[in-house]
mmCIF file of all heavy atoms, coordinates in Angstrom:
data_MODEL
# 
_entry.id   MODEL 
# 
loop_
_atom_site.group_PDB 
_atom_site.id 
_atom_site.type_symbol 
_atom_site.label_atom_id 
_atom_site.label_alt_id 
_atom_site.label_comp_id 
_atom_site.label_asym_id 
_atom_site.label_entity_id 
_atom_site.label_seq_id 
_atom_site.pdbx_PDB_ins_code 
_atom_site.Cartn_x 
_atom_site.Cartn_y 
_atom_site.Cartn_z 
_atom_site.occupancy 
_atom_site.B_iso_or_equiv 
_atom_site.pdbx_formal_charge 
_atom_site.auth_seq_id 
_atom_site.auth_comp_id 
_atom_site.auth_asym_id 
_atom_site.auth_atom_id 
_atom_site.pdbx_PDB_model_num 
ATOM 1   N N   . PRO A 1 1  ? 0.841  -1.182  -0.011 1.00 0.00 ? 1  PRO A N   1 
ATOM 2   C CA  . PRO A 1 1  ? 0.008  -0.018  0.024  1.00 0.00 ? 1  PRO A CA  1 
ATOM 3   C C   . PRO A 1 1  ? 0.829  1.245   0.063  1.00 0.00 ? 1  PRO A C   1 
ATOM 4   O O   . PRO A 1 1  ? 1.937  1.285   0.559  1.00 0.00 ? 1  PRO A O   1 
ATOM 5   C CB  . PRO A 1 1  ? -0.812 -0.149  1.316  1.00 0.00 ? 1  PRO A CB  1 
ATOM 6   C CG  . PRO A 1 1  ? -0.763 -1.542  1.677  1.00 0.00 ? 1  PRO A CG  1 
ATOM 7   C CD  . PRO A 1 1  ? 0.591  -2.039  1.177  1.00 0.00 ? 1  PRO A CD  1 
ATOM 8   N N   . ASP A 1 2  ? 0.264  2.358   -0.521 1.00 0.00 ? 2  ASP A N   1 
ATOM 9   C CA  . ASP A 1 2  ? 1.083  3.587   -0.629 1.00 0.00 ? 2  ASP A CA  1 
ATOM 10  C C   . ASP A 1 2  ? 1.507  4.121   0.725  1.00 0.00 ? 2  ASP A C   1 
ATOM 11  O O   . ASP A 1 2  ? 2.597  4.656   0.903  1.00 0.00 ? 2  ASP A O   1 
ATOM 12  C CB  . ASP A 1 2  ? 0.191  4.616   -1.277 1.00 0.00 ? 2  ASP A CB  1 
ATOM 13  C CG  . ASP A 1 2  ? 0.093  4.471   -2.830 1.00 0.00 ? 2  ASP A CG  1 
ATOM 14  O OD1 . ASP A 1 2  ? 0.930  3.727   -3.283 1.00 0.00 ? 2  ASP A OD1 1 
ATOM 15  O OD2 . ASP A 1 2  ? -0.789 5.076   -3.340 1.00 0.00 ? 2  ASP A OD2 1 
ATOM 16  N N   . ASP A 1 3  ? 0.707  3.896   1.743  1.00 0.00 ? 3  ASP A N   1 
ATOM 17  C CA  . ASP A 1 3  ? 1.020  4.504   3.056  1.00 0.00 ? 3  ASP A CA  1 
ATOM 18  C C   . ASP A 1 3  ? 1.712  3.430   3.947  1.00 0.00 ? 3  ASP A C   1 
ATOM 19  O O   . ASP A 1 3  ? 1.716  3.673   5.253  1.00 0.00 ? 3  ASP A O   1 
ATOM 20  C CB  . ASP A 1 3  ? -0.293 4.972   3.694  1.00 0.00 ? 3  ASP A CB  1 
ATOM 21  C CG  . ASP A 1 3  ? -1.357 3.956   3.984  1.00 0.00 ? 3  ASP A CG  1 
ATOM 22  O OD1 . ASP A 1 3  ? -1.146 2.819   3.313  1.00 0.00 ? 3  ASP A OD1 1 
ATOM 23  O OD2 . ASP A 1 3  ? -2.331 4.210   4.610  1.00 0.00 ? 3  ASP A OD2 1 
ATOM 24  N N   . SER A 1 4  ? 2.170  2.346   3.453  1.00 0.00 ? 4  SER A N   1 
ATOM 25  C CA  . SER A 1 4  ? 2.798  1.358   4.382  1.00 0.00 ? 4  SER A CA  1 
ATOM 26  C C   . SER A 1 4  ? 4.166  1.803   4.856  1.00 0.00 ? 4  SER A C   1 
ATOM 27  O O   . SER A 1 4  ? 4.792  2.548   4.279  1.00 0.00 ? 4  SER A O   1 
ATOM 28  C CB  . SER A 1 4  ? 2.928  0.015   3.477  1.00 0.00 ? 4  SER A CB  1 
ATOM 29  O OG  . SER A 1 4  ? 3.715  0.241   2.392  1.00 0.00 ? 4  SER A OG  1 
ATOM 30  N N   . PHE A 1 5  ? 4.477  1.356   5.984  1.00 0.00 ? 5  PHE A N   1 
ATOM 31  C CA  . PHE A 1 5  ? 5.797  1.624   6.657  1.00 0.00 ? 5  PHE A CA  1 
ATOM 32  C C   . PHE A 1 5  ? 6.598  0.326   6.471  1.00 0.00 ? 5  PHE A C   1 
ATOM 33  O O   . PHE A 1 5  ? 6.321  -0.710  6.907  1.00 0.00 ? 5  PHE A O   1 
ATOM 34  C CB  . PHE A 1 5  ? 5.578  1.779   8.142  1.00 0.00 ? 5  PHE A CB  1 
ATOM 35  C CG  . PHE A 1 5  ? 6.886  2.176   8.901  1.00 0.00 ? 5  PHE A CG  1 
ATOM 36  C CD1 . PHE A 1 5  ? 7.244  3.499   8.986  1.00 0.00 ? 5  PHE A CD1 1 
ATOM 37  C CD2 . PHE A 1 5  ? 7.718  1.306   9.478  1.00 0.00 ? 5  PHE A CD2 1 
ATOM 38  C CE1 . PHE A 1 5  ? 8.361  3.963   9.703  1.00 0.00 ? 5  PHE A CE1 1 
ATOM 39  C CE2 . PHE A 1 5  ? 8.855  1.619   10.162 1.00 0.00 ? 5  PHE A CE2 1 
ATOM 40  C CZ  . PHE A 1 5  ? 9.218  2.969   10.169 1.00 0.00 ? 5  PHE A CZ  1 
ATOM 41  N N   . VAL A 1 6  ? 7.672  0.457   5.582  1.00 0.00 ? 6  VAL A N   1 
ATOM 42  C CA  . VAL A 1 6  ? 8.314  -0.686  5.048  1.00 0.00 ? 6  VAL A CA  1 
ATOM 43  C C   . VAL A 1 6  ? 9.667  -1.011  5.733  1.00 0.00 ? 6  VAL A C   1 
ATOM 44  O O   . VAL A 1 6  ? 10.471 -0.155  5.950  1.00 0.00 ? 6  VAL A O   1 
ATOM 45  C CB  . VAL A 1 6  ? 8.634  -0.581  3.524  1.00 0.00 ? 6  VAL A CB  1 
ATOM 46  C CG1 . VAL A 1 6  ? 9.421  -1.762  3.006  1.00 0.00 ? 6  VAL A CG1 1 
ATOM 47  C CG2 . VAL A 1 6  ? 7.384  -0.302  2.743  1.00 0.00 ? 6  VAL A CG2 1 
ATOM 48  N N   . VAL A 1 7  ? 9.737  -2.260  6.437  1.00 0.00 ? 7  VAL A N   1 
ATOM 49  C CA  . VAL A 1 7  ? 10.973 -2.684  7.165  1.00 0.00 ? 7  VAL A CA  1 
ATOM 50  C C   . VAL A 1 7  ? 11.585 -3.836  6.283  1.00 0.00 ? 7  VAL A C   1 
ATOM 51  O O   . VAL A 1 7  ? 10.912 -4.904  6.188  1.00 0.00 ? 7  VAL A O   1 
ATOM 52  C CB  . VAL A 1 7  ? 10.535 -3.213  8.507  1.00 0.00 ? 7  VAL A CB  1 
ATOM 53  C CG1 . VAL A 1 7  ? 11.707 -3.725  9.216  1.00 0.00 ? 7  VAL A CG1 1 
ATOM 54  C CG2 . VAL A 1 7  ? 9.809  -2.220  9.318  1.00 0.00 ? 7  VAL A CG2 1 
ATOM 55  N N   . SER A 1 8  ? 12.613 -3.499  5.586  1.00 0.00 ? 8  SER A N   1 
ATOM 56  C CA  . SER A 1 8  ? 13.258 -4.506  4.778  1.00 0.00 ? 8  SER A CA  1 
ATOM 57  C C   . SER A 1 8  ? 14.401 -5.220  5.289  1.00 0.00 ? 8  SER A C   1 
ATOM 58  O O   . SER A 1 8  ? 15.248 -4.679  6.033  1.00 0.00 ? 8  SER A O   1 
ATOM 59  C CB  . SER A 1 8  ? 13.697 -3.769  3.424  1.00 0.00 ? 8  SER A CB  1 
ATOM 60  O OG  . SER A 1 8  ? 12.545 -3.215  2.735  1.00 0.00 ? 8  SER A OG  1 
ATOM 61  N N   . THR A 1 9  ? 14.473 -6.471  4.969  1.00 0.00 ? 9  THR A N   1 
ATOM 62  C CA  . THR A 1 9  ? 15.666 -7.352  5.322  1.00 0.00 ? 9  THR A CA  1 
ATOM 63  C C   . THR A 1 9  ? 16.212 -7.975  4.019  1.00 0.00 ? 9  THR A C   1 
ATOM 64  O O   . THR A 1 9  ? 15.409 -8.694  3.292  1.00 0.00 ? 9  THR A O   1 
ATOM 65  C CB  . THR A 1 9  ? 15.329 -8.514  6.405  1.00 0.00 ? 9  THR A CB  1 
ATOM 66  O OG1 . THR A 1 9  ? 14.779 -7.927  7.553  1.00 0.00 ? 9  THR A OG1 1 
ATOM 67  C CG2 . THR A 1 9  ? 16.320 -9.358  6.593  1.00 0.00 ? 9  THR A CG2 1 
ATOM 68  N N   . ILE A 1 10 ? 17.343 -7.817  3.734  1.00 0.00 ? 10 ILE A N   1 
ATOM 69  C CA  . ILE A 1 10 ? 17.894 -8.219  2.394  1.00 0.00 ? 10 ILE A CA  1 
ATOM 70  C C   . ILE A 1 10 ? 19.033 -9.153  2.773  1.00 0.00 ? 10 ILE A C   1 
ATOM 71  O O   . ILE A 1 10 ? 20.014 -8.859  3.402  1.00 0.00 ? 10 ILE A O   1 
ATOM 72  C CB  . ILE A 1 10 ? 18.459 -7.018  1.580  1.00 0.00 ? 10 ILE A CB  1 
ATOM 73  C CG1 . ILE A 1 10 ? 17.303 -6.062  1.351  1.00 0.00 ? 10 ILE A CG1 1 
ATOM 74  C CG2 . ILE A 1 10 ? 19.044 -7.522  0.269  1.00 0.00 ? 10 ILE A CG2 1 
ATOM 75  C CD1 . ILE A 1 10 ? 17.748 -4.751  0.715  1.00 0.00 ? 10 ILE A CD1 1 
ATOM 76  N N   . GLY A 1 11 ? 18.898 -10.354 2.171  1.00 0.00 ? 11 GLY A N   1 
ATOM 77  C CA  . GLY A 1 11 ? 20.041 -11.395 2.473  1.00 0.00 ? 11 GLY A CA  1 
ATOM 78  C C   . GLY A 1 11 ? 19.583 -12.848 2.213  1.00 0.00 ? 11 GLY A C   1 
ATOM 79  O O   . GLY A 1 11 ? 18.402 -13.078 1.972  1.00 0.00 ? 11 GLY A O   1 
ATOM 80  N N   . ARG A 1 12 ? 20.472 -13.700 2.157  1.00 0.00 ? 12 ARG A N   1 
ATOM 81  C CA  . ARG A 1 12 ? 20.269 -15.215 2.031  1.00 0.00 ? 12 ARG A CA  1 
ATOM 82  C C   . ARG A 1 12 ? 19.241 -15.541 3.178  1.00 0.00 ? 12 ARG A C   1 
ATOM 83  O O   . ARG A 1 12 ? 19.426 -15.262 4.311  1.00 0.00 ? 12 ARG A O   1 
ATOM 84  C CB  . ARG A 1 12 ? 21.491 -16.060 2.013  1.00 0.00 ? 12 ARG A CB  1 
ATOM 85  C CG  . ARG A 1 12 ? 22.394 -15.834 0.890  1.00 0.00 ? 12 ARG A CG  1 
ATOM 86  C CD  . ARG A 1 12 ? 21.900 -16.728 -0.308 1.00 0.00 ? 12 ARG A CD  1 
ATOM 87  N NE  . ARG A 1 12 ? 22.159 -18.117 0.001  1.00 0.00 ? 12 ARG A NE  1 
ATOM 88  C CZ  . ARG A 1 12 ? 21.645 -19.123 -0.628 1.00 0.00 ? 12 ARG A CZ  1 
ATOM 89  N NH1 . ARG A 1 12 ? 20.655 -18.991 -1.604 1.00 0.00 ? 12 ARG A NH1 1 
ATOM 90  N NH2 . ARG A 1 12 ? 21.973 -20.468 -0.264 1.00 0.00 ? 12 ARG A NH2 1 
ATOM 91  N N   . LEU A 1 13 ? 18.294 -16.498 2.752  1.00 0.00 ? 13 LEU A N   1 
ATOM 92  C CA  . LEU A 1 13 ? 17.362 -17.069 3.741  1.00 0.00 ? 13 LEU A CA  1 
ATOM 93  C C   . LEU A 1 13 ? 18.067 -18.281 4.409  1.00 0.00 ? 13 LEU A C   1 
ATOM 94  O O   . LEU A 1 13 ? 17.704 -19.462 4.025  1.00 0.00 ? 13 LEU A O   1 
ATOM 95  C CB  . LEU A 1 13 ? 16.073 -17.378 3.083  1.00 0.00 ? 13 LEU A CB  1 
ATOM 96  C CG  . LEU A 1 13 ? 15.447 -16.183 2.341  1.00 0.00 ? 13 LEU A CG  1 
ATOM 97  C CD1 . LEU A 1 13 ? 14.089 -16.724 1.701  1.00 0.00 ? 13 LEU A CD1 1 
ATOM 98  C CD2 . LEU A 1 13 ? 15.135 -15.076 3.225  1.00 0.00 ? 13 LEU A CD2 1 
ATOM 99  N N   . VAL A 1 14 ? 18.932 -17.914 5.322  1.00 0.00 ? 14 VAL A N   1 
ATOM 100 C CA  . VAL A 1 14 ? 19.602 -18.995 6.128  1.00 0.00 ? 14 VAL A CA  1 
ATOM 101 C C   . VAL A 1 14 ? 19.335 -18.723 7.524  1.00 0.00 ? 14 VAL A C   1 
ATOM 102 O O   . VAL A 1 14 ? 19.044 -17.520 8.000  1.00 0.00 ? 14 VAL A O   1 
ATOM 103 C CB  . VAL A 1 14 ? 21.162 -19.038 5.743  1.00 0.00 ? 14 VAL A CB  1 
ATOM 104 C CG1 . VAL A 1 14 ? 21.314 -19.519 4.375  1.00 0.00 ? 14 VAL A CG1 1 
ATOM 105 C CG2 . VAL A 1 14 ? 21.758 -17.559 6.014  1.00 0.00 ? 14 VAL A CG2 1 
ATOM 106 N N   . GLU A 1 15 ? 19.553 -19.644 8.364  1.00 0.00 ? 15 GLU A N   1 
ATOM 107 C CA  . GLU A 1 15 ? 19.091 -19.661 9.777  1.00 0.00 ? 15 GLU A CA  1 
ATOM 108 C C   . GLU A 1 15 ? 19.817 -18.508 10.578 1.00 0.00 ? 15 GLU A C   1 
ATOM 109 O O   . GLU A 1 15 ? 19.152 -17.831 11.295 1.00 0.00 ? 15 GLU A O   1 
ATOM 110 C CB  . GLU A 1 15 ? 19.335 -20.967 10.517 1.00 0.00 ? 15 GLU A CB  1 
ATOM 111 C CG  . GLU A 1 15 ? 18.830 -20.976 11.902 1.00 0.00 ? 15 GLU A CG  1 
ATOM 112 C CD  . GLU A 1 15 ? 19.013 -22.423 12.558 1.00 0.00 ? 15 GLU A CD  1 
ATOM 113 O OE1 . GLU A 1 15 ? 19.501 -23.299 11.890 1.00 0.00 ? 15 GLU A OE1 1 
ATOM 114 O OE2 . GLU A 1 15 ? 18.606 -22.469 13.724 1.00 0.00 ? 15 GLU A OE2 1 
ATOM 115 N N   . ILE A 1 16 ? 21.083 -18.354 10.386 1.00 0.00 ? 16 ILE A N   1 
ATOM 116 C CA  . ILE A 1 16 ? 21.836 -17.324 11.143 1.00 0.00 ? 16 ILE A CA  1 
ATOM 117 C C   . ILE A 1 16 ? 21.505 -15.873 10.887 1.00 0.00 ? 16 ILE A C   1 
ATOM 118 O O   . ILE A 1 16 ? 21.876 -14.987 11.524 1.00 0.00 ? 16 ILE A O   1 
ATOM 119 C CB  . ILE A 1 16 ? 23.324 -17.542 10.999 1.00 0.00 ? 16 ILE A CB  1 
ATOM 120 C CG1 . ILE A 1 16 ? 23.828 -17.503 9.597  1.00 0.00 ? 16 ILE A CG1 1 
ATOM 121 C CG2 . ILE A 1 16 ? 23.739 -18.861 11.652 1.00 0.00 ? 16 ILE A CG2 1 
ATOM 122 C CD1 . ILE A 1 16 ? 25.195 -17.520 9.353  1.00 0.00 ? 16 ILE A CD1 1 
ATOM 123 N N   . LYS A 1 17 ? 20.739 -15.776 9.772  1.00 0.00 ? 17 LYS A N   1 
ATOM 124 C CA  . LYS A 1 17 ? 20.227 -14.294 9.493  1.00 0.00 ? 17 LYS A CA  1 
ATOM 125 C C   . LYS A 1 17 ? 19.046 -13.877 10.354 1.00 0.00 ? 17 LYS A C   1 
ATOM 126 O O   . LYS A 1 17 ? 18.715 -12.678 10.240 1.00 0.00 ? 17 LYS A O   1 
ATOM 127 C CB  . LYS A 1 17 ? 19.903 -14.184 8.008  1.00 0.00 ? 17 LYS A CB  1 
ATOM 128 C CG  . LYS A 1 17 ? 21.062 -14.375 6.970  1.00 0.00 ? 17 LYS A CG  1 
ATOM 129 C CD  . LYS A 1 17 ? 22.137 -13.292 7.144  1.00 0.00 ? 17 LYS A CD  1 
ATOM 130 C CE  . LYS A 1 17 ? 23.188 -13.329 6.116  1.00 0.00 ? 17 LYS A CE  1 
ATOM 131 N NZ  . LYS A 1 17 ? 24.332 -12.389 6.266  1.00 0.00 ? 17 LYS A NZ  1 
ATOM 132 N N   . GLY A 1 18 ? 18.553 -14.764 11.056 1.00 0.00 ? 18 GLY A N   1 
ATOM 133 C CA  . GLY A 1 18 ? 17.573 -14.321 12.039 1.00 0.00 ? 18 GLY A CA  1 
ATOM 134 C C   . GLY A 1 18 ? 16.118 -14.020 11.596 1.00 0.00 ? 18 GLY A C   1 
ATOM 135 O O   . GLY A 1 18 ? 15.373 -13.419 12.307 1.00 0.00 ? 18 GLY A O   1 
ATOM 136 N N   . HIS A 1 19 ? 15.730 -14.556 10.403 1.00 0.00 ? 19 HIS A N   1 
ATOM 137 C CA  . HIS A 1 19 ? 14.442 -14.383 9.945  1.00 0.00 ? 19 HIS A CA  1 
ATOM 138 C C   . HIS A 1 19 ? 13.299 -14.780 10.806 1.00 0.00 ? 19 HIS A C   1 
ATOM 139 O O   . HIS A 1 19 ? 12.242 -14.162 10.896 1.00 0.00 ? 19 HIS A O   1 
ATOM 140 C CB  . HIS A 1 19 ? 14.240 -14.945 8.552  1.00 0.00 ? 19 HIS A CB  1 
ATOM 141 C CG  . HIS A 1 19 ? 15.124 -14.314 7.511  1.00 0.00 ? 19 HIS A CG  1 
ATOM 142 N ND1 . HIS A 1 19 ? 16.458 -14.870 7.217  1.00 0.00 ? 19 HIS A ND1 1 
ATOM 143 C CD2 . HIS A 1 19 ? 14.970 -13.296 6.660  1.00 0.00 ? 19 HIS A CD2 1 
ATOM 144 C CE1 . HIS A 1 19 ? 16.944 -14.057 6.187  1.00 0.00 ? 19 HIS A CE1 1 
ATOM 145 N NE2 . HIS A 1 19 ? 16.156 -13.193 5.857  1.00 0.00 ? 19 HIS A NE2 1 
ATOM 146 N N   . ASP A 1 20 ? 13.580 -15.858 11.613 1.00 0.00 ? 20 ASP A N   1 
ATOM 147 C CA  . ASP A 1 20 ? 12.579 -16.449 12.418 1.00 0.00 ? 20 ASP A CA  1 
ATOM 148 C C   . ASP A 1 20 ? 12.195 -15.383 13.518 1.00 0.00 ? 20 ASP A C   1 
ATOM 149 O O   . ASP A 1 20 ? 11.112 -15.272 13.999 1.00 0.00 ? 20 ASP A O   1 
ATOM 150 C CB  . ASP A 1 20 ? 13.001 -17.766 13.073 1.00 0.00 ? 20 ASP A CB  1 
ATOM 151 C CG  . ASP A 1 20 ? 12.682 -18.951 12.163 1.00 0.00 ? 20 ASP A CG  1 
ATOM 152 O OD1 . ASP A 1 20 ? 11.553 -19.155 11.920 1.00 0.00 ? 20 ASP A OD1 1 
ATOM 153 O OD2 . ASP A 1 20 ? 13.615 -19.599 11.709 1.00 0.00 ? 20 ASP A OD2 1 
ATOM 154 N N   . TYR A 1 21 ? 13.248 -14.689 14.065 1.00 0.00 ? 21 TYR A N   1 
ATOM 155 C CA  . TYR A 1 21 ? 13.029 -13.742 15.095 1.00 0.00 ? 21 TYR A CA  1 
ATOM 156 C C   . TYR A 1 21 ? 12.232 -12.534 14.469 1.00 0.00 ? 21 TYR A C   1 
ATOM 157 O O   . TYR A 1 21 ? 11.562 -11.836 15.301 1.00 0.00 ? 21 TYR A O   1 
ATOM 158 C CB  . TYR A 1 21 ? 14.272 -13.327 15.700 1.00 0.00 ? 21 TYR A CB  1 
ATOM 159 C CG  . TYR A 1 21 ? 15.056 -14.509 16.418 1.00 0.00 ? 21 TYR A CG  1 
ATOM 160 C CD1 . TYR A 1 21 ? 16.034 -15.263 15.875 1.00 0.00 ? 21 TYR A CD1 1 
ATOM 161 C CD2 . TYR A 1 21 ? 14.531 -14.934 17.635 1.00 0.00 ? 21 TYR A CD2 1 
ATOM 162 C CE1 . TYR A 1 21 ? 16.646 -16.300 16.462 1.00 0.00 ? 21 TYR A CE1 1 
ATOM 163 C CE2 . TYR A 1 21 ? 15.112 -16.024 18.303 1.00 0.00 ? 21 TYR A CE2 1 
ATOM 164 C CZ  . TYR A 1 21 ? 16.167 -16.778 17.781 1.00 0.00 ? 21 TYR A CZ  1 
ATOM 165 O OH  . TYR A 1 21 ? 16.685 -17.876 18.281 1.00 0.00 ? 21 TYR A OH  1 
ATOM 166 N N   . ILE A 1 22 ? 12.519 -12.129 13.375 1.00 0.00 ? 22 ILE A N   1 
ATOM 167 C CA  . ILE A 1 22 ? 11.775 -11.131 12.633 1.00 0.00 ? 22 ILE A CA  1 
ATOM 168 C C   . ILE A 1 22 ? 10.348 -11.479 12.513 1.00 0.00 ? 22 ILE A C   1 
ATOM 169 O O   . ILE A 1 22 ? 9.356  -10.651 12.696 1.00 0.00 ? 22 ILE A O   1 
ATOM 170 C CB  . ILE A 1 22 ? 12.382 -10.753 11.272 1.00 0.00 ? 22 ILE A CB  1 
ATOM 171 C CG1 . ILE A 1 22 ? 13.824 -10.303 11.356 1.00 0.00 ? 22 ILE A CG1 1 
ATOM 172 C CG2 . ILE A 1 22 ? 11.576 -9.633  10.562 1.00 0.00 ? 22 ILE A CG2 1 
ATOM 173 C CD1 . ILE A 1 22 ? 14.557 -10.089 10.084 1.00 0.00 ? 22 ILE A CD1 1 
ATOM 174 N N   . LEU A 1 23 ? 10.012 -12.770 12.182 1.00 0.00 ? 23 LEU A N   1 
ATOM 175 C CA  . LEU A 1 23 ? 8.614  -13.263 12.215 1.00 0.00 ? 23 LEU A CA  1 
ATOM 176 C C   . LEU A 1 23 ? 8.040  -13.145 13.508 1.00 0.00 ? 23 LEU A C   1 
ATOM 177 O O   . LEU A 1 23 ? 6.835  -12.773 13.636 1.00 0.00 ? 23 LEU A O   1 
ATOM 178 C CB  . LEU A 1 23 ? 8.534  -14.696 11.656 1.00 0.00 ? 23 LEU A CB  1 
ATOM 179 C CG  . LEU A 1 23 ? 8.844  -14.827 10.145 1.00 0.00 ? 23 LEU A CG  1 
ATOM 180 C CD1 . LEU A 1 23 ? 8.636  -16.352 9.816  1.00 0.00 ? 23 LEU A CD1 1 
ATOM 181 C CD2 . LEU A 1 23 ? 8.044  -13.912 9.251  1.00 0.00 ? 23 LEU A CD2 1 
ATOM 182 N N   . ASP A 1 24 ? 8.807  -13.412 14.642 1.00 0.00 ? 24 ASP A N   1 
ATOM 183 C CA  . ASP A 1 24 ? 8.275  -13.278 15.910 1.00 0.00 ? 24 ASP A CA  1 
ATOM 184 C C   . ASP A 1 24 ? 7.888  -11.837 16.185 1.00 0.00 ? 24 ASP A C   1 
ATOM 185 O O   . ASP A 1 24 ? 6.843  -11.605 16.775 1.00 0.00 ? 24 ASP A O   1 
ATOM 186 C CB  . ASP A 1 24 ? 9.385  -13.652 17.019 1.00 0.00 ? 24 ASP A CB  1 
ATOM 187 C CG  . ASP A 1 24 ? 9.637  -15.190 16.935 1.00 0.00 ? 24 ASP A CG  1 
ATOM 188 O OD1 . ASP A 1 24 ? 8.798  -15.944 16.447 1.00 0.00 ? 24 ASP A OD1 1 
ATOM 189 O OD2 . ASP A 1 24 ? 10.697 -15.600 17.518 1.00 0.00 ? 24 ASP A OD2 1 
# 
């Protein structure tokens, strides 16, 4: 959406990048 507040994470989808904690 035009008015969205965007929080971007750029990188390989591997465990040590912490994506699971971002989902939390």
